[in-house]
Each structure stands twice: as structure tokens, then as C-alpha cells.
Protein backbone atom coordinates (compact mmCIF):
# COMPACT_ATOMS: atom_id res chain seq x y z
CA MET A 1 0.10 -0.30 -0.11
CA LYS A 2 2.93 2.34 0.85
CA ASN A 3 4.53 1.46 -2.65
CA LEU A 4 1.29 2.60 -4.48
CA LYS A 5 0.87 5.85 -2.58
CA SER A 6 4.50 6.70 -3.57
CA ILE A 7 3.67 5.72 -7.36
CA ILE A 8 0.34 8.06 -7.24
CA LEU A 9 2.62 10.74 -5.60
CA SER A 10 4.87 10.26 -7.99
CA THR A 11 2.81 10.38 -11.27
CA GLY A 12 0.83 13.09 -9.90
CA PHE A 13 3.80 15.07 -9.54
CA ALA A 14 5.40 14.71 -12.82
CA PHE A 15 1.82 15.31 -14.60
CA ILE A 16 1.50 18.81 -12.62
CA THR A 17 5.34 19.78 -13.55
CA ALA A 18 4.81 18.73 -16.98
CA ALA A 19 1.45 20.72 -17.08
CA SER A 20 3.06 23.84 -15.91
CA VAL A 21 5.85 23.96 -18.60
CA ALA A 22 4.14 26.60 -20.89
CA GLN A 23 5.38 26.51 -24.24
CA VAL A 24 7.19 30.35 -25.01
CA PRO A 25 5.29 31.79 -28.20
CA GLU A 26 7.18 32.68 -30.98
CA THR A 27 6.94 36.76 -31.66
CA SER A 28 8.44 39.40 -34.53
CA ALA A 29 7.57 42.02 -33.00
CA SER A 30 9.38 43.62 -29.53
CA ALA A 31 9.09 45.85 -26.29
CA THR A 32 11.05 47.14 -23.98
CA ILE A 33 9.97 47.27 -20.09
CA THR A 34 12.07 49.43 -17.27
CA THR A 35 12.67 48.36 -13.71
CA ASP A 36 9.16 50.06 -13.05
CA ASN A 37 7.53 47.70 -14.90
CA CYS A 38 6.74 50.31 -17.69
CA VAL A 39 6.42 48.37 -20.96
CA THR A 40 6.70 50.20 -24.42
CA LEU A 41 5.61 48.52 -27.60
CA ASP A 42 7.49 48.80 -30.79
CA ALA A 43 5.42 51.44 -32.14
CA THR A 44 7.07 50.82 -35.82
CA GLN A 45 5.10 47.48 -36.19
CA PRO A 46 1.35 47.25 -36.53
CA LEU A 47 -0.18 46.03 -33.18
CA GLN A 48 0.90 42.29 -32.60
CA ASN A 49 -0.78 39.56 -30.13
CA PHE A 50 3.13 38.77 -28.96
CA TYR A 51 6.07 41.10 -28.17
CA SER A 52 9.57 39.77 -26.95
CA ILE A 53 11.01 41.63 -24.30
CA ASP A 54 14.48 41.02 -23.25
CA ILE A 55 14.67 41.29 -19.19
CA ALA A 56 18.30 40.94 -18.78
CA HIS A 57 19.11 44.38 -16.96
CA LEU A 58 16.52 43.36 -14.49
CA GLY A 59 19.00 41.33 -12.53
CA LEU A 60 16.27 38.61 -12.07
CA SER A 61 19.02 35.72 -10.63
CA SER A 62 17.09 32.68 -11.28
CA GLU A 63 13.30 31.25 -13.16
CA TYR A 64 11.51 31.53 -10.03
CA LEU A 65 12.18 34.80 -9.86
CA VAL A 66 11.22 35.90 -12.90
CA LYS A 67 8.19 34.06 -12.76
CA LYS A 68 7.11 35.57 -9.42
CA HIS A 69 7.97 38.80 -10.65
CA PHE A 70 6.01 38.69 -13.78
CA GLY A 71 3.14 36.95 -12.14
CA HIS A 72 2.49 39.80 -10.18
CA ILE A 73 1.96 42.05 -12.92
CA GLU A 74 -0.07 39.65 -15.09
CA ASN A 75 -3.84 40.44 -15.27
CA ASN A 76 -6.86 39.62 -17.67
CA LEU A 77 -5.69 41.37 -20.11
CA ILE A 78 -1.90 40.75 -20.48
CA THR A 79 -0.25 37.24 -19.92
CA TYR A 80 3.75 36.60 -19.75
CA TYR A 81 5.55 33.76 -20.33
CA VAL A 82 9.27 33.19 -19.40
CA ASP A 83 12.12 32.18 -21.25
CA PHE A 84 14.81 32.59 -18.57
CA ALA A 85 17.44 30.31 -20.86
CA HIS A 86 17.34 33.33 -23.34
CA SER A 87 16.70 36.22 -20.37
CA LYS A 88 13.43 37.09 -22.02
CA VAL A 89 9.66 37.27 -21.50
CA VAL A 90 7.00 36.97 -24.08
CA LEU A 91 4.21 39.53 -23.33
CA GLU A 92 0.59 38.23 -24.76
CA LEU A 93 -2.04 41.02 -25.35
CA HIS A 94 -5.02 39.72 -24.75
CA LEU A 95 -6.70 41.85 -27.98
CA ASP A 96 -9.77 39.26 -27.79
CA ARG A 97 -10.74 40.59 -24.44
CA VAL A 98 -11.24 44.23 -24.52
CA PRO A 99 -14.73 45.45 -25.37
CA ALA A 100 -13.85 46.80 -28.90
CA ASP A 101 -10.79 47.04 -30.90
CA LYS A 102 -8.23 48.90 -29.42
CA ASP A 103 -5.23 50.38 -31.33
CA LEU A 104 -1.50 50.59 -30.57
CA THR A 105 -2.11 53.92 -28.81
CA TRP A 106 -4.44 52.61 -26.82
CA TRP A 107 -2.31 49.41 -25.11
CA GLY A 108 0.43 51.57 -24.90
CA GLU A 109 -1.82 54.08 -22.63
CA TYR A 110 -2.97 50.59 -21.12
CA LEU A 111 0.40 49.07 -20.43
CA THR A 112 1.96 52.41 -19.16
CA SER A 113 -1.25 52.64 -16.29
CA LEU A 114 0.34 49.77 -15.03
CA CYS A 115 4.05 50.96 -14.31
CA LYS A 116 4.66 50.34 -10.31
């Protein structure tokens, strides 16, 4: 019985671990982020769903710290995918979650409103 419990716990842990590993989406647009979490989208490109952001300058020393940091600033309209190995995150703008089509200017102002 003890072995059965160990097998079930191990299997459950492996499943949860595998499920928590997210694919980082491919991007063609870029954005920047300041230490105050101010995100600026690349205004030379049309509005995209996904933006790649270099985070090396934030000084977050582990994948856990990066996920914790960006988990605190996510919300219903934005999601961050961590790619710690390449010192970047991918920002997803949930364009379908706003009541009407919003343009690049609106999203830029929205992201500015989230700064610390």
C-alpha cells in the first residue's frame, strides 16, 4: 500500500510539473520594460498579439524569481511567458478581451497605467 501511494504521488507530481511548463510563443515584434515595469511596445510595427522583451537588465537571478515577478503584474488583459534561458519574456496582449478593437496607442497607454 505504501508503494502504491508513492507511485500515485510521483505520477501526480510528474503530471503537474509537465503541465506547468509553458511553450513560449514565437514573436516578430519587440517591446521594452523598465525596472518600474513600464512596458513600451515597438511603435514601428502594427499591433501584435505577442511581444518579445529582453529582461537581462532587471537582474532577476532565477527562473523562479522571473516567474514570480511577472506573475504579479499579469492580469486579464496581459500574460507573460518566461524564457529564462534567453533572458526574455514574451508578452501576450489579449486583444479579444477588450470590448472593442483597440489600437497600438490605446495598448501603450494601458501598459503605461500599470507602471509602479
